[in-house]
Amino acid sequence: MEKITYTFPATRKIAASAHVGVVGSGDLEVMMEPSDVLQAEVIIRTGIMGYQDTWKAVIHRFFTQHDFAAKVKINDFGATPGVVAIRLAQALEVSFHDSKIN
């Protein structure tokens, strides 16, 4: 297993947690929790080695488009970049739908 961690500055907080997706069969799960500090912390655990550059591009693109503070955990089992982006967007939508953004 490979563990990759990123942090991004943020100006808005989410109030609700979200859990979307499942691990297995080339998919991934995303767990998103509110953060007390104005930053997004992303921890990725993946069984597919050697894709740090791809992860960096996908995660950087998402968090430059969406400025929110959260603790994000991603458990990956070979998901494509498109699936990663969709799952992140789904988790953020659940957090927006279930809470009022500050």
Protein backbone atom coordinates (compact mmCIF):
# COMPACT_ATOMS: atom_id res chain seq x y z
CA MET A 1 0.00 0.00 0.00
CA GLU A 2 1.13 3.49 -0.82
CA LYS A 3 0.11 6.52 1.25
CA ILE A 4 0.06 9.99 -0.30
CA THR A 5 -0.79 13.17 1.62
CA TYR A 6 -1.63 16.66 0.37
CA THR A 7 -2.73 19.88 2.07
CA PHE A 8 -4.39 22.92 0.52
CA PRO A 9 -5.36 26.27 2.04
CA ALA A 10 -9.09 26.94 2.35
CA THR A 11 -11.42 29.80 3.20
CA ARG A 12 -14.74 27.97 3.72
CA LYS A 13 -15.76 25.17 6.05
CA ILE A 14 -18.19 22.33 5.55
CA ALA A 15 -20.41 21.31 8.43
CA ALA A 16 -21.42 17.77 7.45
CA SER A 17 -19.48 14.56 6.86
CA ALA A 18 -19.82 12.48 3.71
CA HIS A 19 -18.97 8.91 2.69
CA VAL A 20 -19.31 7.87 -0.95
CA GLY A 21 -18.12 4.95 -3.05
CA VAL A 22 -16.75 1.54 -2.15
CA VAL A 23 -13.32 -0.04 -2.34
CA GLY A 24 -13.05 -2.97 -4.70
CA SER A 25 -13.34 -3.83 -8.38
CA GLY A 26 -11.40 -0.81 -9.55
CA ASP A 27 -13.27 1.75 -7.48
CA LEU A 28 -12.59 3.87 -4.42
CA GLU A 29 -14.25 5.40 -1.40
CA VAL A 30 -14.05 8.99 -0.25
CA MET A 31 -14.69 10.02 3.34
CA MET A 32 -14.93 13.74 4.01
CA GLU A 33 -15.15 15.33 7.47
CA PRO A 34 -15.29 18.96 8.58
CA SER A 35 -11.98 20.47 9.68
CA ASP A 36 -11.34 22.91 12.52
CA VAL A 37 -8.54 24.57 10.57
CA LEU A 38 -8.81 26.40 7.26
CA GLN A 39 -7.15 23.79 5.12
CA ALA A 40 -8.00 20.65 3.23
CA GLU A 41 -5.96 17.63 4.24
CA VAL A 42 -6.13 14.74 1.78
CA ILE A 43 -4.82 11.28 2.66
CA ILE A 44 -4.81 8.70 -0.12
CA ARG A 45 -4.22 5.00 0.45
CA THR A 46 -3.78 3.02 -2.74
CA GLY A 47 -2.69 -0.45 -3.68
CA ILE A 48 -1.55 0.77 -7.10
CA MET A 49 2.03 1.96 -6.89
CA GLY A 50 3.80 4.61 -8.98
CA TYR A 51 0.97 7.02 -9.79
CA GLN A 52 1.93 9.97 -7.58
CA ASP A 53 2.05 12.36 -10.56
CA THR A 54 -1.46 11.37 -11.64
CA TRP A 55 -2.81 11.69 -8.10
CA LYS A 56 -1.15 15.09 -7.72
CA ALA A 57 -2.74 16.39 -10.93
CA VAL A 58 -6.25 15.14 -10.10
CA ILE A 59 -6.24 16.27 -6.46
CA HIS A 60 -4.62 19.64 -7.23
CA ARG A 61 -7.18 20.35 -9.98
CA PHE A 62 -10.11 19.52 -7.69
CA PHE A 63 -8.94 21.57 -4.72
CA THR A 64 -8.04 24.62 -6.80
CA GLN A 65 -11.62 24.57 -8.13
CA HIS A 66 -13.26 23.86 -4.76
CA ASP A 67 -12.04 25.91 -1.82
CA PHE A 68 -13.19 24.16 1.37
CA ALA A 69 -11.68 22.97 4.62
CA ALA A 70 -12.03 19.26 5.32
CA LYS A 71 -10.23 16.09 6.26
CA VAL A 72 -10.48 13.83 3.23
CA LYS A 73 -9.55 10.15 3.19
CA ILE A 74 -9.44 8.25 -0.08
CA ASN A 75 -9.10 4.47 -0.20
CA ASP A 76 -8.29 3.41 -3.75
CA PHE A 77 -8.35 0.10 -5.58
CA GLY A 78 -7.30 1.19 -9.07
CA ALA A 79 -9.88 3.88 -9.88
CA THR A 80 -9.33 6.01 -12.97
CA PRO A 81 -8.79 9.78 -12.63
CA GLY A 82 -12.34 10.37 -13.85
CA VAL A 83 -13.79 8.18 -11.11
CA VAL A 84 -11.67 9.98 -8.51
CA ALA A 85 -13.01 13.36 -9.65
CA ILE A 86 -16.60 12.09 -9.65
CA ARG A 87 -16.34 10.60 -6.15
CA LEU A 88 -14.80 13.80 -4.77
CA ALA A 89 -17.59 15.84 -6.35
CA GLN A 90 -20.20 13.45 -4.94
CA ALA A 91 -18.75 13.73 -1.42
CA LEU A 92 -18.68 17.51 -1.65
CA GLU A 93 -22.29 17.55 -2.90
CA VAL A 94 -23.38 15.41 0.06
CA SER A 95 -21.60 17.81 2.41
CA PHE A 96 -23.32 20.80 0.74
CA HIS A 97 -26.72 19.14 0.67
CA ASP A 98 -26.59 18.06 4.32
CA SER A 99 -25.19 21.32 5.68
CA LYS A 100 -24.98 25.03 5.23
CA ILE A 101 -21.54 26.16 4.09
CA ASN A 102 -20.02 28.88 6.28
